Amino acid sequence: MQKNPGVRDYRSMQILSSRPERLILLLYDGAIKFIRQGQKSLENEQMEEAHNNLIRAQNILVELMGSLNFDKGGEIASNLFRIYEFMHHTLVQANVKKEPEPLGRICEQLKHLRESWFTALKNEESGKEPGKNPDNPAGGDQTKSISIKG
């Protein structure tokens, strides 16, 4: 529970005024936060607090699964669903067994997904296409290659 109502009001306005794509970032941030808190609580043997935080993280993963558009997202959406499902299952098991170790791995995976989403969103907002070099108007790929001989 937040002690400062001004912070709560600001956060509520941030959520209500955000584009759906930005809300995904907020969901990632929330899941990471609650997993970290749950892990810390488990390590400190604060079982009820750990349980509550892990339930919040599980709920966020369910929300992420529900936000996927399989018609537009195709294979990527299906793969993300399986990743979120795996993470959710791992959180449930860690919560039931009261094991903090798997939580660090899930948190790292969420950080990578968040960074990927952030990069894609930033590219979309700036009008860049992923993999395109803005310095090459012909649209050349900016992928670098390495040749190995021998």
N, C-alpha and C. Protein backbone atom coordinates (compact mmCIF):
# COMPACT_ATOMS: atom_id res chain seq x y z
N MET A 1 0.83 -1.17 0.00
CA MET A 1 0.00 0.00 0.00
C MET A 1 0.88 1.24 0.00
N GLN A 2 0.60 2.18 -0.91
CA GLN A 2 1.37 3.41 -0.97
C GLN A 2 0.86 4.37 0.08
N LYS A 3 1.80 5.05 0.75
CA LYS A 3 1.43 5.94 1.84
C LYS A 3 1.04 7.32 1.34
N ASN A 4 1.57 7.73 0.20
CA ASN A 4 1.33 9.07 -0.31
C ASN A 4 0.23 9.05 -1.37
N PRO A 5 -0.92 9.66 -1.06
CA PRO A 5 -2.01 9.63 -2.04
C PRO A 5 -1.66 10.37 -3.33
N GLY A 6 -0.78 11.36 -3.27
CA GLY A 6 -0.36 12.08 -4.47
C GLY A 6 0.35 11.17 -5.44
N VAL A 7 1.19 10.29 -4.93
CA VAL A 7 1.90 9.34 -5.78
C VAL A 7 0.91 8.37 -6.41
N ARG A 8 -0.05 7.91 -5.62
CA ARG A 8 -1.07 6.99 -6.13
C ARG A 8 -1.89 7.66 -7.23
N ASP A 9 -2.28 8.92 -7.01
CA ASP A 9 -3.05 9.65 -8.01
C ASP A 9 -2.25 9.86 -9.29
N TYR A 10 -0.97 10.20 -9.15
CA TYR A 10 -0.10 10.38 -10.31
C TYR A 10 0.01 9.08 -11.09
N ARG A 11 0.22 7.98 -10.39
CA ARG A 11 0.35 6.67 -11.04
C ARG A 11 -0.94 6.31 -11.76
N SER A 12 -2.08 6.58 -11.14
CA SER A 12 -3.37 6.29 -11.76
C SER A 12 -3.54 7.09 -13.05
N MET A 13 -3.17 8.36 -13.03
CA MET A 13 -3.28 9.19 -14.23
C MET A 13 -2.32 8.70 -15.31
N GLN A 14 -1.13 8.26 -14.90
CA GLN A 14 -0.16 7.73 -15.86
C GLN A 14 -0.74 6.52 -16.58
N ILE A 15 -1.39 5.65 -15.84
CA ILE A 15 -1.97 4.44 -16.42
C ILE A 15 -3.16 4.79 -17.31
N LEU A 16 -4.03 5.64 -16.82
CA LEU A 16 -5.24 5.98 -17.57
C LEU A 16 -4.94 6.73 -18.87
N SER A 17 -3.85 7.48 -18.90
CA SER A 17 -3.54 8.29 -20.08
C SER A 17 -2.53 7.62 -21.01
N SER A 18 -2.08 6.43 -20.70
CA SER A 18 -1.08 5.75 -21.52
C SER A 18 -1.70 5.02 -22.69
N ARG A 19 -0.94 4.97 -23.77
CA ARG A 19 -1.33 4.15 -24.92
C ARG A 19 -1.20 2.67 -24.52
N PRO A 20 -1.96 1.79 -25.15
CA PRO A 20 -1.87 0.36 -24.80
C PRO A 20 -0.45 -0.19 -24.90
N GLU A 21 0.33 0.29 -25.88
CA GLU A 21 1.70 -0.20 -26.03
C GLU A 21 2.56 0.19 -24.82
N ARG A 22 2.30 1.36 -24.27
CA ARG A 22 3.04 1.82 -23.08
C ARG A 22 2.59 1.04 -21.84
N LEU A 23 1.33 0.63 -21.81
CA LEU A 23 0.83 -0.13 -20.67
C LEU A 23 1.57 -1.45 -20.52
N ILE A 24 1.99 -2.03 -21.64
CA ILE A 24 2.76 -3.28 -21.58
C ILE A 24 4.05 -3.05 -20.80
N LEU A 25 4.71 -1.91 -21.03
CA LEU A 25 5.93 -1.59 -20.27
C LEU A 25 5.62 -1.48 -18.79
N LEU A 26 4.50 -0.85 -18.46
CA LEU A 26 4.12 -0.74 -17.05
C LEU A 26 3.83 -2.11 -16.44
N LEU A 27 3.25 -3.01 -17.22
CA LEU A 27 3.01 -4.37 -16.73
C LEU A 27 4.32 -5.09 -16.47
N TYR A 28 5.26 -4.97 -17.40
CA TYR A 28 6.58 -5.57 -17.19
C TYR A 28 7.22 -5.01 -15.92
N ASP A 29 7.18 -3.69 -15.78
CA ASP A 29 7.77 -3.06 -14.59
C ASP A 29 7.14 -3.58 -13.31
N GLY A 30 5.82 -3.69 -13.32
CA GLY A 30 5.12 -4.19 -12.13
C GLY A 30 5.48 -5.63 -11.82
N ALA A 31 5.53 -6.48 -12.84
CA ALA A 31 5.87 -7.88 -12.62
C ALA A 31 7.28 -8.01 -12.04
N ILE A 32 8.21 -7.28 -12.61
CA ILE A 32 9.60 -7.31 -12.12
C ILE A 32 9.66 -6.86 -10.67
N LYS A 33 8.96 -5.77 -10.36
CA LYS A 33 8.94 -5.24 -8.99
C LYS A 33 8.38 -6.26 -8.01
N PHE A 34 7.23 -6.86 -8.35
CA PHE A 34 6.60 -7.79 -7.41
C PHE A 34 7.40 -9.08 -7.27
N ILE A 35 8.05 -9.52 -8.33
CA ILE A 35 8.89 -10.73 -8.22
C ILE A 35 10.07 -10.45 -7.31
N ARG A 36 10.71 -9.30 -7.49
CA ARG A 36 11.85 -8.94 -6.62
C ARG A 36 11.40 -8.88 -5.15
N GLN A 37 10.26 -8.23 -4.92
CA GLN A 37 9.76 -8.13 -3.55
C GLN A 37 9.42 -9.52 -2.99
N GLY A 38 8.82 -10.36 -3.84
CA GLY A 38 8.49 -11.72 -3.40
C GLY A 38 9.74 -12.52 -3.08
N GLN A 39 10.75 -12.38 -3.90
CA GLN A 39 12.01 -13.09 -3.67
C GLN A 39 12.65 -12.64 -2.35
N LYS A 40 12.68 -11.33 -2.14
CA LYS A 40 13.25 -10.79 -0.91
C LYS A 40 12.45 -11.27 0.31
N SER A 41 11.13 -11.28 0.18
CA SER A 41 10.29 -11.73 1.29
C SER A 41 10.52 -13.21 1.60
N LEU A 42 10.66 -14.03 0.55
CA LEU A 42 10.94 -15.45 0.78
C LEU A 42 12.28 -15.63 1.48
N GLU A 43 13.28 -14.89 1.04
CA GLU A 43 14.60 -14.98 1.66
C GLU A 43 14.57 -14.55 3.12
N ASN A 44 13.66 -13.61 3.46
CA ASN A 44 13.52 -13.15 4.84
C ASN A 44 12.45 -13.91 5.61
N GLU A 45 11.94 -14.98 5.00
CA GLU A 45 10.93 -15.84 5.59
C GLU A 45 9.65 -15.09 5.98
N GLN A 46 9.29 -14.12 5.18
CA GLN A 46 8.02 -13.39 5.35
C GLN A 46 7.05 -13.99 4.34
N MET A 47 6.49 -15.12 4.69
CA MET A 47 5.75 -15.95 3.74
C MET A 47 4.47 -15.30 3.23
N GLU A 48 3.72 -14.64 4.08
CA GLU A 48 2.48 -14.02 3.62
C GLU A 48 2.78 -12.89 2.63
N GLU A 49 3.75 -12.07 2.95
CA GLU A 49 4.14 -10.97 2.05
C GLU A 49 4.67 -11.53 0.73
N ALA A 50 5.47 -12.59 0.80
CA ALA A 50 5.98 -13.22 -0.42
C ALA A 50 4.83 -13.74 -1.27
N HIS A 51 3.90 -14.42 -0.64
CA HIS A 51 2.74 -14.96 -1.35
C HIS A 51 1.97 -13.84 -2.07
N ASN A 52 1.69 -12.76 -1.35
CA ASN A 52 0.92 -11.66 -1.94
C ASN A 52 1.64 -11.03 -3.12
N ASN A 53 2.95 -10.84 -3.01
CA ASN A 53 3.71 -10.26 -4.12
C ASN A 53 3.76 -11.19 -5.32
N LEU A 54 3.93 -12.47 -5.07
CA LEU A 54 4.00 -13.43 -6.18
C LEU A 54 2.63 -13.58 -6.86
N ILE A 55 1.56 -13.49 -6.09
CA ILE A 55 0.22 -13.51 -6.69
C ILE A 55 0.04 -12.30 -7.60
N ARG A 56 0.52 -11.14 -7.17
CA ARG A 56 0.42 -9.95 -8.01
C ARG A 56 1.20 -10.14 -9.32
N ALA A 57 2.39 -10.70 -9.22
CA ALA A 57 3.20 -10.95 -10.42
C ALA A 57 2.50 -11.97 -11.32
N GLN A 58 1.91 -13.00 -10.73
CA GLN A 58 1.17 -14.00 -11.52
C GLN A 58 0.00 -13.34 -12.24
N ASN A 59 -0.70 -12.46 -11.56
CA ASN A 59 -1.84 -11.77 -12.17
C ASN A 59 -1.39 -10.90 -13.35
N ILE A 60 -0.23 -10.29 -13.22
CA ILE A 60 0.28 -9.47 -14.31
C ILE A 60 0.61 -10.35 -15.51
N LEU A 61 1.19 -11.52 -15.27
CA LEU A 61 1.48 -12.41 -16.39
C LEU A 61 0.20 -12.88 -17.07
N VAL A 62 -0.84 -13.12 -16.30
CA VAL A 62 -2.14 -13.48 -16.89
C VAL A 62 -2.64 -12.32 -17.75
N GLU A 63 -2.47 -11.11 -17.28
CA GLU A 63 -2.87 -9.93 -18.05
C GLU A 63 -2.06 -9.81 -19.34
N LEU A 64 -0.75 -10.08 -19.26
CA LEU A 64 0.09 -10.06 -20.46
C LEU A 64 -0.38 -11.12 -21.47
N MET A 65 -0.72 -12.31 -20.97
CA MET A 65 -1.22 -13.36 -21.86
C MET A 65 -2.52 -12.92 -22.52
N GLY A 66 -3.38 -12.28 -21.76
CA GLY A 66 -4.66 -11.84 -22.29
C GLY A 66 -4.56 -10.67 -23.25
N SER A 67 -3.45 -9.96 -23.21
CA SER A 67 -3.29 -8.79 -24.08
C SER A 67 -2.78 -9.14 -25.46
N LEU A 68 -2.40 -10.39 -25.67
CA LEU A 68 -1.84 -10.78 -26.96
C LEU A 68 -2.93 -10.85 -28.03
N ASN A 69 -2.59 -10.35 -29.21
CA ASN A 69 -3.49 -10.41 -30.36
C ASN A 69 -2.94 -11.45 -31.32
N PHE A 70 -3.53 -12.63 -31.31
CA PHE A 70 -3.02 -13.73 -32.12
C PHE A 70 -3.28 -13.53 -33.61
N ASP A 71 -4.32 -12.76 -33.94
CA ASP A 71 -4.61 -12.48 -35.35
C ASP A 71 -3.51 -11.62 -35.96
N LYS A 72 -3.12 -10.58 -35.27
CA LYS A 72 -2.09 -9.68 -35.79
C LYS A 72 -0.69 -10.20 -35.46
N GLY A 73 -0.52 -10.82 -34.30
CA GLY A 73 0.80 -11.21 -33.84
C GLY A 73 1.30 -12.54 -34.36
N GLY A 74 0.39 -13.39 -34.83
CA GLY A 74 0.77 -14.67 -35.40
C GLY A 74 1.70 -15.49 -34.52
N GLU A 75 2.81 -15.92 -35.10
CA GLU A 75 3.75 -16.80 -34.42
C GLU A 75 4.41 -16.10 -33.22
N ILE A 76 4.66 -14.80 -33.35
CA ILE A 76 5.28 -14.07 -32.24
C ILE A 76 4.35 -14.09 -31.03
N ALA A 77 3.08 -13.84 -31.25
CA ALA A 77 2.11 -13.85 -30.15
C ALA A 77 2.02 -15.24 -29.53
N SER A 78 2.04 -16.26 -30.35
CA SER A 78 1.99 -17.64 -29.83
C SER A 78 3.22 -17.95 -28.99
N ASN A 79 4.38 -17.52 -29.47
CA ASN A 79 5.61 -17.75 -28.71
C ASN A 79 5.62 -16.98 -27.40
N LEU A 80 5.16 -15.73 -27.45
CA LEU A 80 5.09 -14.95 -26.21
C LEU A 80 4.12 -15.58 -25.22
N PHE A 81 3.01 -16.09 -25.72
CA PHE A 81 2.05 -16.75 -24.84
C PHE A 81 2.72 -17.92 -24.11
N ARG A 82 3.47 -18.72 -24.85
CA ARG A 82 4.15 -19.87 -24.23
C ARG A 82 5.20 -19.41 -23.21
N ILE A 83 5.90 -18.33 -23.50
CA ILE A 83 6.89 -17.79 -22.56
C ILE A 83 6.19 -17.31 -21.30
N TYR A 84 5.12 -16.52 -21.48
CA TYR A 84 4.38 -16.03 -20.31
C TYR A 84 3.80 -17.18 -19.50
N GLU A 85 3.30 -18.20 -20.19
CA GLU A 85 2.72 -19.36 -19.52
C GLU A 85 3.79 -20.08 -18.69
N PHE A 86 4.98 -20.24 -19.26
CA PHE A 86 6.09 -20.86 -18.53
C PHE A 86 6.45 -20.03 -17.30
N MET A 87 6.54 -18.72 -17.47
CA MET A 87 6.87 -17.85 -16.35
C MET A 87 5.82 -17.94 -15.26
N HIS A 88 4.56 -17.91 -15.66
CA HIS A 88 3.46 -18.01 -14.70
C HIS A 88 3.55 -19.32 -13.93
N HIS A 89 3.75 -20.42 -14.64
CA HIS A 89 3.87 -21.73 -13.99
C HIS A 89 5.04 -21.74 -13.00
N THR A 90 6.16 -21.16 -13.41
CA THR A 90 7.34 -21.11 -12.54
C THR A 90 7.05 -20.29 -11.28
N LEU A 91 6.34 -19.17 -11.44
CA LEU A 91 5.99 -18.35 -10.28
C LEU A 91 5.05 -19.10 -9.34
N VAL A 92 4.09 -19.81 -9.90
CA VAL A 92 3.17 -20.59 -9.07
C VAL A 92 3.94 -21.64 -8.28
N GLN A 93 4.83 -22.35 -8.95
CA GLN A 93 5.62 -23.39 -8.28
C GLN A 93 6.53 -22.80 -7.21
N ALA A 94 7.17 -21.67 -7.51
CA ALA A 94 8.04 -21.02 -6.52
C ALA A 94 7.23 -20.57 -5.31
N ASN A 95 6.02 -20.12 -5.55
CA ASN A 95 5.16 -19.67 -4.47
C ASN A 95 4.70 -20.86 -3.61
N VAL A 96 4.30 -21.93 -4.26
CA VAL A 96 3.84 -23.12 -3.53
C VAL A 96 4.98 -23.73 -2.72
N LYS A 97 6.13 -23.86 -3.35
CA LYS A 97 7.28 -24.51 -2.71
C LYS A 97 8.11 -23.55 -1.85
N LYS A 98 7.80 -22.26 -1.94
CA LYS A 98 8.52 -21.22 -1.20
C LYS A 98 10.01 -21.25 -1.52
N GLU A 99 10.30 -21.29 -2.82
CA GLU A 99 11.67 -21.31 -3.32
C GLU A 99 11.98 -20.00 -4.02
N PRO A 100 12.95 -19.23 -3.52
CA PRO A 100 13.27 -17.95 -4.15
C PRO A 100 14.15 -18.07 -5.40
N GLU A 101 14.87 -19.18 -5.56
CA GLU A 101 15.85 -19.30 -6.65
C GLU A 101 15.28 -19.10 -8.05
N PRO A 102 14.17 -19.74 -8.41
CA PRO A 102 13.67 -19.57 -9.78
C PRO A 102 13.20 -18.15 -10.08
N LEU A 103 12.92 -17.38 -9.06
CA LEU A 103 12.39 -16.03 -9.26
C LEU A 103 13.40 -15.12 -9.94
N GLY A 104 14.68 -15.29 -9.62
CA GLY A 104 15.72 -14.48 -10.25
C GLY A 104 15.78 -14.71 -11.76
N ARG A 105 15.64 -15.98 -12.17
CA ARG A 105 15.66 -16.30 -13.61
C ARG A 105 14.47 -15.67 -14.33
N ILE A 106 13.31 -15.76 -13.72
CA ILE A 106 12.11 -15.20 -14.34
C ILE A 106 12.24 -13.67 -14.43
N CYS A 107 12.77 -13.07 -13.39
CA CYS A 107 12.95 -11.63 -13.38
C CYS A 107 13.90 -11.20 -14.51
N GLU A 108 14.97 -11.93 -14.71
CA GLU A 108 15.92 -11.62 -15.79
C GLU A 108 15.26 -11.77 -17.16
N GLN A 109 14.47 -12.81 -17.33
CA GLN A 109 13.78 -13.02 -18.60
C GLN A 109 12.79 -11.87 -18.87
N LEU A 110 12.09 -11.44 -17.83
CA LEU A 110 11.16 -10.32 -18.00
C LEU A 110 11.90 -9.04 -18.35
N LYS A 111 13.07 -8.85 -17.76
CA LYS A 111 13.86 -7.65 -18.09
C LYS A 111 14.25 -7.65 -19.56
N HIS A 112 14.62 -8.81 -20.09
CA HIS A 112 14.98 -8.90 -21.51
C HIS A 112 13.77 -8.62 -22.40
N LEU A 113 12.64 -9.19 -22.04
CA LEU A 113 11.42 -8.93 -22.81
C LEU A 113 11.03 -7.46 -22.75
N ARG A 114 11.16 -6.87 -21.57
CA ARG A 114 10.83 -5.46 -21.41
C ARG A 114 11.74 -4.60 -22.29
N GLU A 115 13.01 -4.90 -22.28
CA GLU A 115 13.96 -4.13 -23.09
C GLU A 115 13.64 -4.27 -24.58
N SER A 116 13.30 -5.46 -25.00
CA SER A 116 12.92 -5.67 -26.41
C SER A 116 11.67 -4.87 -26.76
N TRP A 117 10.69 -4.91 -25.88
CA TRP A 117 9.45 -4.17 -26.12
C TRP A 117 9.73 -2.67 -26.16
N PHE A 118 10.56 -2.20 -25.22
CA PHE A 118 10.91 -0.78 -25.16
C PHE A 118 11.60 -0.34 -26.45
N THR A 119 12.54 -1.15 -26.93
CA THR A 119 13.26 -0.83 -28.17
C THR A 119 12.30 -0.78 -29.35
N ALA A 120 11.42 -1.76 -29.45
CA ALA A 120 10.46 -1.79 -30.55
C ALA A 120 9.53 -0.58 -30.49
N LEU A 121 9.09 -0.22 -29.32
CA LEU A 121 8.21 0.92 -29.15
C LEU A 121 8.92 2.21 -29.50
N LYS A 122 10.17 2.33 -29.07
CA LYS A 122 10.97 3.52 -29.37
C LYS A 122 11.18 3.65 -30.89
N ASN A 123 11.46 2.53 -31.55
CA ASN A 123 11.64 2.54 -33.00
C ASN A 123 10.34 2.94 -33.70
N GLU A 124 9.23 2.41 -33.22
CA GLU A 124 7.93 2.74 -33.82
C GLU A 124 7.63 4.23 -33.66
N GLU A 125 7.89 4.76 -32.47
CA GLU A 125 7.60 6.17 -32.21
C GLU A 125 8.50 7.09 -33.02
N SER A 126 9.72 6.66 -33.31
CA SER A 126 10.63 7.51 -34.08
C SER A 126 10.48 7.28 -35.57
N GLY A 127 9.63 6.31 -35.96
CA GLY A 127 9.39 6.04 -37.37
C GLY A 127 10.43 5.15 -38.02
N LYS A 128 11.34 4.59 -37.22
CA LYS A 128 12.36 3.70 -37.77
C LYS A 128 11.81 2.29 -37.84
N GLU A 129 12.25 1.57 -38.85
CA GLU A 129 11.93 0.16 -38.94
C GLU A 129 13.10 -0.60 -38.35
N PRO A 130 12.85 -1.64 -37.55
CA PRO A 130 13.94 -2.43 -37.01
C PRO A 130 14.80 -3.00 -38.14
N GLY A 131 16.11 -2.91 -37.96
CA GLY A 131 17.03 -3.48 -38.93
C GLY A 131 17.37 -2.54 -40.07
N LYS A 132 16.75 -1.35 -40.10
CA LYS A 132 17.03 -0.39 -41.17
C LYS A 132 18.02 0.65 -40.67
N ASN A 133 18.92 1.04 -41.55
CA ASN A 133 19.92 2.03 -41.23
C ASN A 133 19.41 3.40 -41.65
N PRO A 134 19.18 4.31 -40.69
CA PRO A 134 18.65 5.62 -41.05
C PRO A 134 19.64 6.44 -41.86
N ASP A 135 20.92 6.08 -41.84
CA ASP A 135 21.93 6.80 -42.59
C ASP A 135 22.01 6.33 -44.03
N ASN A 136 21.30 5.27 -44.37
CA ASN A 136 21.31 4.74 -45.73
C ASN A 136 19.91 4.84 -46.30
N PRO A 137 19.64 5.90 -47.09
CA PRO A 137 18.28 6.08 -47.61
C PRO A 137 17.82 4.96 -48.52
N ALA A 138 18.75 4.18 -49.04
CA ALA A 138 18.37 3.06 -49.91
C ALA A 138 17.76 1.93 -49.09
N GLY A 139 17.79 2.07 -47.75
CA GLY A 139 17.16 1.07 -46.90
C GLY A 139 18.04 -0.13 -46.62
N GLY A 140 19.34 0.06 -46.68
CA GLY A 140 20.25 -1.05 -46.40
C GLY A 140 20.16 -1.53 -44.98
N ASP A 141 20.41 -2.78 -44.81
CA ASP A 141 20.35 -3.41 -43.51
C ASP A 141 21.54 -2.96 -42.69
N GLN A 142 21.33 -2.69 -41.40
CA GLN A 142 22.42 -2.28 -40.56
C GLN A 142 23.07 -3.44 -39.81
N THR A 143 22.69 -4.66 -40.17
CA THR A 143 23.26 -5.83 -39.55
C THR A 143 24.71 -5.96 -39.94
N LYS A 144 25.55 -6.23 -38.95
CA LYS A 144 26.98 -6.39 -39.21
C LYS A 144 27.29 -7.86 -39.34
N SER A 145 28.29 -8.16 -40.15
CA SER A 145 28.66 -9.56 -40.32
C SER A 145 30.13 -9.74 -40.02
N ILE A 146 30.47 -10.96 -39.70
CA ILE A 146 31.86 -11.32 -39.42
C ILE A 146 32.21 -12.48 -40.31
N SER A 147 33.37 -12.39 -40.95
CA SER A 147 33.84 -13.49 -41.79
C SER A 147 34.92 -14.24 -41.05
N ILE A 148 34.79 -15.55 -41.04
CA ILE A 148 35.80 -16.38 -40.39
C ILE A 148 36.38 -17.29 -41.46
N LYS A 149 37.69 -17.21 -41.63
CA LYS A 149 38.36 -18.05 -42.60
C LYS A 149 39.24 -19.03 -41.86
N GLY A 150 39.43 -20.15 -42.46
CA GLY A 150 40.38 -21.05 -41.82
C GLY A 150 39.91 -22.41 -41.89
